[in-house]
């Protein structure tokens, strides 16, 4: 299983971006996916979670502005980011948990995608 994150870029404050995390592989079932972010010099923080029953959880810092979702057919998890602020500038990572064909739970990280929000 591999995760490929994309969609980052440069955006002005108040704008929107949508990040994608494509989960590739075979013989697995989806358990959960997180989006984390890590600003320069800071720790990596969880900002959004979606579970297999589409329950979502958000960090207070993004609640009401960001939306996590998934497309089952495309094995892709999205993070819609609206009303972006300069403090949203960070490298964004997806982290997904699956159960593989041997019924073993495993988790994986994507490579990160940089989001820069200018004021």
C-alpha atoms as a PDB file:
ATOM      1  CA  UNK A   1       0.000   0.000   0.000  1.00  0.00           C
ATOM      2  CA  UNK A   2       1.244   3.465  -0.894  1.00  0.00           C
ATOM      3  CA  UNK A   3      -0.088   6.922  -0.168  1.00  0.00           C
ATOM      4  CA  UNK A   4       0.382   9.787  -2.609  1.00  0.00           C
ATOM      5  CA  UNK A   5      -0.476  13.246  -1.353  1.00  0.00           C
ATOM      6  CA  UNK A   6      -1.001  16.140  -3.739  1.00  0.00           C
ATOM      7  CA  UNK A   7      -2.713  19.495  -4.104  1.00  0.00           C
ATOM      8  CA  UNK A   8      -0.489  21.773  -2.094  1.00  0.00           C
ATOM      9  CA  UNK A   9       0.659  25.126  -3.335  1.00  0.00           C
ATOM     10  CA  UNK A  10       0.707  28.855  -2.735  1.00  0.00           C
ATOM     11  CA  UNK A  11      -2.542  30.594  -1.899  1.00  0.00           C
ATOM     12  CA  UNK A  12      -3.525  33.995  -0.592  1.00  0.00           C
ATOM     13  CA  UNK A  13      -5.227  34.294   2.760  1.00  0.00           C
ATOM     14  CA  UNK A  14      -8.940  33.692   2.455  1.00  0.00           C
ATOM     15  CA  UNK A  15      -8.522  31.325  -0.455  1.00  0.00           C
ATOM     16  CA  UNK A  16      -9.152  27.603  -0.768  1.00  0.00           C
ATOM     17  CA  UNK A  17      -7.166  24.503  -1.643  1.00  0.00           C
ATOM     18  CA  UNK A  18      -8.072  20.853  -1.824  1.00  0.00           C
ATOM     19  CA  UNK A  19      -5.526  18.231  -0.883  1.00  0.00           C
ATOM     20  CA  UNK A  20      -5.780  14.659  -2.096  1.00  0.00           C
ATOM     21  CA  UNK A  21      -4.338  11.465  -0.680  1.00  0.00           C
ATOM     22  CA  UNK A  22      -4.551   8.552  -3.081  1.00  0.00           C
ATOM     23  CA  UNK A  23      -4.256   5.128  -1.492  1.00  0.00           C
ATOM     24  CA  UNK A  24      -2.940   2.562  -3.941  1.00  0.00           C
ATOM     25  CA  UNK A  25      -2.518  -1.146  -3.574  1.00  0.00           C
ATOM     26  CA  UNK A  26      -4.724  -4.191  -3.522  1.00  0.00           C
ATOM     27  CA  UNK A  27      -6.425  -6.496  -1.103  1.00  0.00           C
ATOM     28  CA  UNK A  28      -6.873  -3.989   1.679  1.00  0.00           C
ATOM     29  CA  UNK A  29      -9.819  -2.485   3.488  1.00  0.00           C
ATOM     30  CA  UNK A  30      -9.868   1.090   4.715  1.00  0.00           C
ATOM     31  CA  UNK A  31      -9.941   1.740   8.454  1.00  0.00           C
ATOM     32  CA  UNK A  32      -9.126   5.415   8.924  1.00  0.00           C
ATOM     33  CA  UNK A  33      -7.211   8.352   7.521  1.00  0.00           C
ATOM     34  CA  UNK A  34      -5.734  11.398   9.170  1.00  0.00           C
ATOM     35  CA  UNK A  35      -4.374  14.629   7.850  1.00  0.00           C
ATOM     36  CA  UNK A  36      -1.517  16.051   9.861  1.00  0.00           C
ATOM     37  CA  UNK A  37       0.465  19.192   9.331  1.00  0.00           C
ATOM     38  CA  UNK A  38       3.879  20.349  10.401  1.00  0.00           C
ATOM     39  CA  UNK A  39       4.921  23.959  10.308  1.00  0.00           C
ATOM     40  CA  UNK A  40       8.595  24.820  10.140  1.00  0.00           C
ATOM     41  CA  UNK A  41      10.241  24.234  13.495  1.00  0.00           C
ATOM     42  CA  UNK A  42       7.108  22.827  15.084  1.00  0.00           C
ATOM     43  CA  UNK A  43       5.733  19.399  15.880  1.00  0.00           C
ATOM     44  CA  UNK A  44       3.449  17.483  13.586  1.00  0.00           C
ATOM     45  CA  UNK A  45      -0.164  17.989  14.601  1.00  0.00           C
ATOM     46  CA  UNK A  46      -3.288  16.068  13.730  1.00  0.00           C
ATOM     47  CA  UNK A  47      -5.904  18.259  12.095  1.00  0.00           C
ATOM     48  CA  UNK A  48      -8.533  15.899  10.700  1.00  0.00           C
ATOM     49  CA  UNK A  49      -9.637  12.277  10.892  1.00  0.00           C
ATOM     50  CA  UNK A  50     -12.127  10.199   8.942  1.00  0.00           C
ATOM     51  CA  UNK A  51     -13.038   6.649   9.856  1.00  0.00           C
ATOM     52  CA  UNK A  52     -14.457   3.771   7.855  1.00  0.00           C
ATOM     53  CA  UNK A  53     -18.014   4.805   8.785  1.00  0.00           C
ATOM     54  CA  UNK A  54     -17.226   8.383   7.690  1.00  0.00           C
ATOM     55  CA  UNK A  55     -17.130   9.768  11.198  1.00  0.00           C
ATOM     56  CA  UNK A  56     -14.991  12.914  11.156  1.00  0.00           C
ATOM     57  CA  UNK A  57     -13.010  14.746  13.806  1.00  0.00           C
ATOM     58  CA  UNK A  58     -11.186  18.060  13.549  1.00  0.00           C
ATOM     59  CA  UNK A  59      -8.657  20.021  15.504  1.00  0.00           C
ATOM     60  CA  UNK A  60     -10.058  23.239  16.917  1.00  0.00           C
ATOM     61  CA  UNK A  61      -7.670  25.244  14.753  1.00  0.00           C
ATOM     62  CA  UNK A  62      -9.378  24.090  11.532  1.00  0.00           C
ATOM     63  CA  UNK A  63     -12.910  23.293  12.658  1.00  0.00           C
ATOM     64  CA  UNK A  64     -15.462  25.011  10.446  1.00  0.00           C
ATOM     65  CA  UNK A  65     -12.896  25.781   7.741  1.00  0.00           C
ATOM     66  CA  UNK A  66     -11.532  22.386   6.691  1.00  0.00           C
ATOM     67  CA  UNK A  67     -13.475  19.314   5.612  1.00  0.00           C
ATOM     68  CA  UNK A  68     -12.124  15.782   5.332  1.00  0.00           C
ATOM     69  CA  UNK A  69     -13.883  13.359   3.023  1.00  0.00           C
ATOM     70  CA  UNK A  70     -13.196  10.242   1.019  1.00  0.00           C
ATOM     71  CA  UNK A  71     -14.135   8.747  -2.311  1.00  0.00           C
ATOM     72  CA  UNK A  72     -14.413   5.010  -1.815  1.00  0.00           C
ATOM     73  CA  UNK A  73     -14.362   4.210  -5.526  1.00  0.00           C
ATOM     74  CA  UNK A  74     -11.160   6.190  -6.040  1.00  0.00           C
ATOM     75  CA  UNK A  75      -9.515   5.138  -2.749  1.00  0.00           C
ATOM     76  CA  UNK A  76      -8.790   8.791  -2.170  1.00  0.00           C
ATOM     77  CA  UNK A  77      -9.082  10.960   0.904  1.00  0.00           C
ATOM     78  CA  UNK A  78      -9.505  14.714   0.509  1.00  0.00           C
ATOM     79  CA  UNK A  79      -8.959  17.745   2.678  1.00  0.00           C
ATOM     80  CA  UNK A  80     -10.925  20.770   1.508  1.00  0.00           C
ATOM     81  CA  UNK A  81      -9.360  23.851   3.054  1.00  0.00           C
ATOM     82  CA  UNK A  82     -11.339  27.080   2.989  1.00  0.00           C
ATOM     83  CA  UNK A  83     -10.737  30.496   4.508  1.00  0.00           C
ATOM     84  CA  UNK A  84      -7.027  29.810   4.595  1.00  0.00           C
ATOM     85  CA  UNK A  85      -4.870  31.773   7.004  1.00  0.00           C
ATOM     86  CA  UNK A  86      -1.112  32.396   7.018  1.00  0.00           C
ATOM     87  CA  UNK A  87      -0.876  30.168  10.099  1.00  0.00           C
ATOM     88  CA  UNK A  88      -2.114  27.256   7.966  1.00  0.00           C
ATOM     89  CA  UNK A  89       1.260  27.301   6.208  1.00  0.00           C
ATOM     90  CA  UNK A  90       2.808  23.870   6.727  1.00  0.00           C
ATOM     91  CA  UNK A  91       3.676  20.577   5.131  1.00  0.00           C
ATOM     92  CA  UNK A  92       0.538  18.453   5.133  1.00  0.00           C
ATOM     93  CA  UNK A  93       0.737  14.697   5.523  1.00  0.00           C
ATOM     94  CA  UNK A  94      -1.847  11.972   5.138  1.00  0.00           C
ATOM     95  CA  UNK A  95      -1.732   8.935   7.358  1.00  0.00           C
ATOM     96  CA  UNK A  96      -3.977   5.988   6.623  1.00  0.00           C
ATOM     97  CA  UNK A  97      -4.759   2.755   8.393  1.00  0.00           C
ATOM     98  CA  UNK A  98      -5.873  -0.323   6.503  1.00  0.00           C
ATOM     99  CA  UNK A  99      -6.376  -4.012   7.090  1.00  0.00           C
ATOM    100  CA  UNK A 100      -4.400  -6.008   4.573  1.00  0.00           C
ATOM    101  CA  UNK A 101      -5.294  -9.253   2.841  1.00  0.00           C
ATOM    102  CA  UNK A 102      -3.869 -11.220   5.786  1.00  0.00           C
ATOM    103  CA  UNK A 103      -6.213  -9.329   8.132  1.00  0.00           C
ATOM    104  CA  UNK A 104      -3.300  -7.479   9.680  1.00  0.00           C
ATOM    105  CA  UNK A 105      -3.853  -3.803  10.520  1.00  0.00           C
ATOM    106  CA  UNK A 106      -1.165  -1.542   9.104  1.00  0.00           C
ATOM    107  CA  UNK A 107      -0.688   2.175   8.756  1.00  0.00           C
ATOM    108  CA  UNK A 108       1.144   4.268   6.224  1.00  0.00           C
ATOM    109  CA  UNK A 109       2.288   7.850   5.691  1.00  0.00           C
ATOM    110  CA  UNK A 110       2.193   9.897   2.542  1.00  0.00           C
ATOM    111  CA  UNK A 111       5.167  11.993   1.487  1.00  0.00           C
ATOM    112  CA  UNK A 112       3.757  15.402   2.441  1.00  0.00           C
ATOM    113  CA  UNK A 113       2.615  18.337   0.368  1.00  0.00           C
ATOM    114  CA  UNK A 114       3.525  21.950   1.107  1.00  0.00           C
ATOM    115  CA  UNK A 115       0.820  24.549   1.615  1.00  0.00           C
ATOM    116  CA  UNK A 116       1.900  28.177   1.798  1.00  0.00           C
ATOM    117  CA  UNK A 117      -0.613  30.880   2.629  1.00  0.00           C
ATOM    118  CA  UNK A 118       0.422  34.468   2.050  1.00  0.00           C
ATOM    119  CA  UNK A 119      -1.099  37.420   3.875  1.00  0.00           C
END
